[in-house]
Amino acid sequence: MRYFEDFNVGDVEVTRARTITEADIVNFAAFSGDWYPLHTDIEYAKKSPFGERIAHGMLVLSVATGLMPLYQMAIVAFYGMDKVRFTAPTRIGDTIHVELEVVEKQDKGDLGGVINLKESVKNQRDENVATSTLKVLIGKKPK
C-alpha cells in the first residue's frame, strides 16, 4: 500500500495497457445515454474529420481510470481533475495506457494529503490522446 508519504514529486508510473473495442463504445453509449453519431453511426463518422467512429472522450478517461493502480494506493477520495484535454482521437482497436507523474503534494493534516498527478493517456504509437491533472486524496501511514 502506498501512502501520502511514499509519493515524491517527479515519480513516474506507467500502467498496463488495454485495447478499445467496438463493444466498449456500444456499452458506454448504452450506459451513459450518449449515442452521438460520431461514436455510434458508421456512415456519419465516415464523413467526419476522423473518417471513422472514435471512442467517447469520457470512455477514454473511464478506461484510463481502470488502468491505474488505485488498489495499491491508500485513497481516501477522488479530489478532482483539472485541464482535461482530448488531444487525438482514440479509435476502435487502439491500445491505450496511462503515464502518471507526481507534480505536486499538498499536506491536508491528519486526513492525509492531495497528490497532483499529470495524467497522459497514450496510444500504441505513444501519442497522447488525453491529458489532465488528477487530484487524489491519499491517506497517511497509520501511526
Protein backbone atom coordinates (compact mmCIF):
# COMPACT_ATOMS: atom_id res chain seq x y z
CA MET A 1 0.00 0.00 0.00
CA ARG A 2 1.32 3.44 -0.91
CA TYR A 3 0.58 6.28 1.47
CA PHE A 4 0.93 10.05 1.07
CA GLU A 5 4.48 9.93 2.44
CA ASP A 6 5.51 7.36 -0.22
CA PHE A 7 4.92 9.72 -3.14
CA ASN A 8 7.62 12.13 -4.33
CA VAL A 9 7.41 14.91 -6.89
CA GLY A 10 8.90 13.54 -10.10
CA ASP A 11 7.82 9.93 -9.52
CA VAL A 12 6.50 8.38 -12.75
CA GLU A 13 4.40 5.25 -13.16
CA VAL A 14 3.31 3.56 -16.39
CA THR A 15 0.19 1.39 -16.28
CA ARG A 16 -0.70 -1.77 -18.10
CA ALA A 17 -2.46 -1.35 -21.45
CA ARG A 18 -5.92 -2.16 -22.82
CA THR A 19 -7.40 -2.22 -26.31
CA ILE A 20 -10.55 -0.21 -27.01
CA THR A 21 -13.17 -2.35 -28.73
CA GLU A 22 -16.41 -1.74 -30.55
CA ALA A 23 -18.18 -3.40 -27.62
CA ASP A 24 -16.67 -0.78 -25.31
CA ILE A 25 -18.16 2.01 -27.40
CA VAL A 26 -21.60 0.42 -27.68
CA ASN A 27 -21.71 -0.46 -23.98
CA PHE A 28 -20.56 3.03 -22.97
CA ALA A 29 -23.20 4.62 -25.22
CA ALA A 30 -25.89 2.42 -23.68
CA PHE A 31 -24.72 3.06 -20.12
CA SER A 32 -24.22 6.82 -20.48
CA GLY A 33 -27.04 7.54 -22.94
CA ASP A 34 -24.51 9.28 -25.24
CA TRP A 35 -25.41 8.00 -28.69
CA TYR A 36 -23.71 10.86 -30.55
CA PRO A 37 -23.29 9.58 -34.13
CA LEU A 38 -19.53 10.22 -34.27
CA HIS A 39 -19.24 7.29 -31.88
CA THR A 40 -22.11 5.05 -32.99
CA ASP A 41 -23.02 5.71 -36.64
CA ILE A 42 -20.54 4.34 -39.19
CA GLU A 43 -21.89 6.37 -42.12
CA TYR A 44 -21.96 9.62 -40.15
CA ALA A 45 -18.44 9.05 -38.83
CA LYS A 46 -17.09 8.33 -42.34
CA LYS A 47 -17.91 11.95 -43.23
CA SER A 48 -16.21 13.36 -40.12
CA PRO A 49 -12.63 14.66 -40.00
CA PHE A 50 -11.67 11.31 -38.43
CA GLY A 51 -13.15 9.17 -41.23
CA GLU A 52 -14.40 6.55 -38.79
CA ARG A 53 -16.05 6.11 -35.40
CA ILE A 54 -13.98 7.14 -32.41
CA ALA A 55 -14.31 6.49 -28.70
CA HIS A 56 -16.15 8.92 -26.44
CA GLY A 57 -13.72 11.14 -24.53
CA MET A 58 -15.33 10.14 -21.26
CA LEU A 59 -14.96 6.47 -22.21
CA VAL A 60 -11.23 7.04 -22.69
CA LEU A 61 -10.99 8.69 -19.26
CA SER A 62 -13.04 5.89 -17.68
CA VAL A 63 -10.80 3.19 -19.14
CA ALA A 64 -7.73 5.19 -18.09
CA THR A 65 -9.02 5.25 -14.52
CA GLY A 66 -9.48 1.49 -14.61
CA LEU A 67 -5.88 1.05 -15.74
CA MET A 68 -4.46 2.98 -12.79
CA PRO A 69 -3.12 1.02 -9.81
CA LEU A 70 -5.67 2.58 -7.46
CA TYR A 71 -5.89 -0.59 -5.35
CA GLN A 72 -2.23 -0.06 -4.41
CA MET A 73 -2.87 3.43 -3.00
CA ALA A 74 -4.39 4.44 0.34
CA ILE A 75 -7.03 6.51 -1.45
CA VAL A 76 -9.44 8.45 0.74
CA ALA A 77 -11.24 10.19 -2.14
CA PHE A 78 -11.00 11.34 -5.72
CA TYR A 79 -10.34 15.07 -5.37
CA GLY A 80 -10.91 16.22 -8.95
CA MET A 81 -9.44 16.83 -12.40
CA ASP A 82 -8.06 19.97 -13.99
CA LYS A 83 -7.03 20.90 -17.51
CA VAL A 84 -8.64 17.89 -19.23
CA ARG A 85 -7.80 17.86 -22.93
CA PHE A 86 -8.52 15.32 -25.66
CA THR A 87 -5.57 15.77 -27.98
CA ALA A 88 -6.09 12.97 -30.52
CA PRO A 89 -8.87 10.53 -31.36
CA THR A 90 -8.97 7.08 -29.83
CA ARG A 91 -10.08 4.64 -32.49
CA ILE A 92 -11.55 1.16 -32.26
CA GLY A 93 -8.54 -1.14 -31.97
CA ASP A 94 -6.25 1.42 -30.30
CA THR A 95 -4.44 0.17 -27.23
CA ILE A 96 -4.08 2.77 -24.50
CA HIS A 97 -2.04 3.03 -21.33
CA VAL A 98 -1.52 5.80 -18.80
CA GLU A 99 1.62 7.58 -17.68
CA LEU A 100 1.29 9.29 -14.29
CA GLU A 101 3.78 11.80 -12.94
CA VAL A 102 3.59 13.25 -9.42
CA VAL A 103 3.77 17.03 -9.94
CA GLU A 104 2.69 18.35 -6.54
CA LYS A 105 1.86 17.25 -3.00
CA GLN A 106 -0.35 19.15 -0.56
CA ASP A 107 -0.47 18.06 3.06
CA LYS A 108 -4.01 18.13 4.49
CA GLY A 109 -3.18 17.32 8.10
CA ASP A 110 -4.33 14.14 9.82
CA LEU A 111 -6.66 13.29 6.94
CA GLY A 112 -3.78 12.78 4.50
CA GLY A 113 -2.69 14.78 1.53
CA VAL A 114 -3.56 15.59 -2.05
CA ILE A 115 -1.32 14.17 -4.76
CA ASN A 116 -1.48 16.01 -8.11
CA LEU A 117 -0.72 13.67 -10.98
CA LYS A 118 -0.03 14.68 -14.55
CA GLU A 119 -2.03 12.08 -16.46
CA SER A 120 -1.07 11.26 -20.04
CA VAL A 121 -3.24 8.70 -21.80
CA LYS A 122 -1.23 7.33 -24.71
CA ASN A 123 -1.99 5.01 -27.60
CA GLN A 124 0.15 2.21 -29.04
CA ARG A 125 2.12 4.79 -31.07
CA ASP A 126 2.98 6.63 -27.82
CA GLU A 127 0.81 9.59 -28.89
CA ASN A 128 -1.11 11.48 -26.21
CA VAL A 129 -4.83 11.05 -26.72
CA ALA A 130 -5.88 12.71 -23.45
CA THR A 131 -4.14 14.71 -20.75
CA SER A 132 -5.19 16.11 -17.41
CA THR A 133 -4.11 16.82 -13.88
CA LEU A 134 -5.65 14.32 -11.47
CA LYS A 135 -6.01 15.13 -7.79
CA VAL A 136 -6.28 12.26 -5.34
CA LEU A 137 -6.61 12.48 -1.56
CA ILE A 138 -4.27 9.83 -0.15
CA GLY A 139 -4.18 8.72 3.47
CA LYS A 140 -1.09 8.94 5.64
CA LYS A 141 0.66 5.94 7.13
CA PRO A 142 -1.09 4.61 10.23
CA LYS A 143 0.63 5.63 13.46
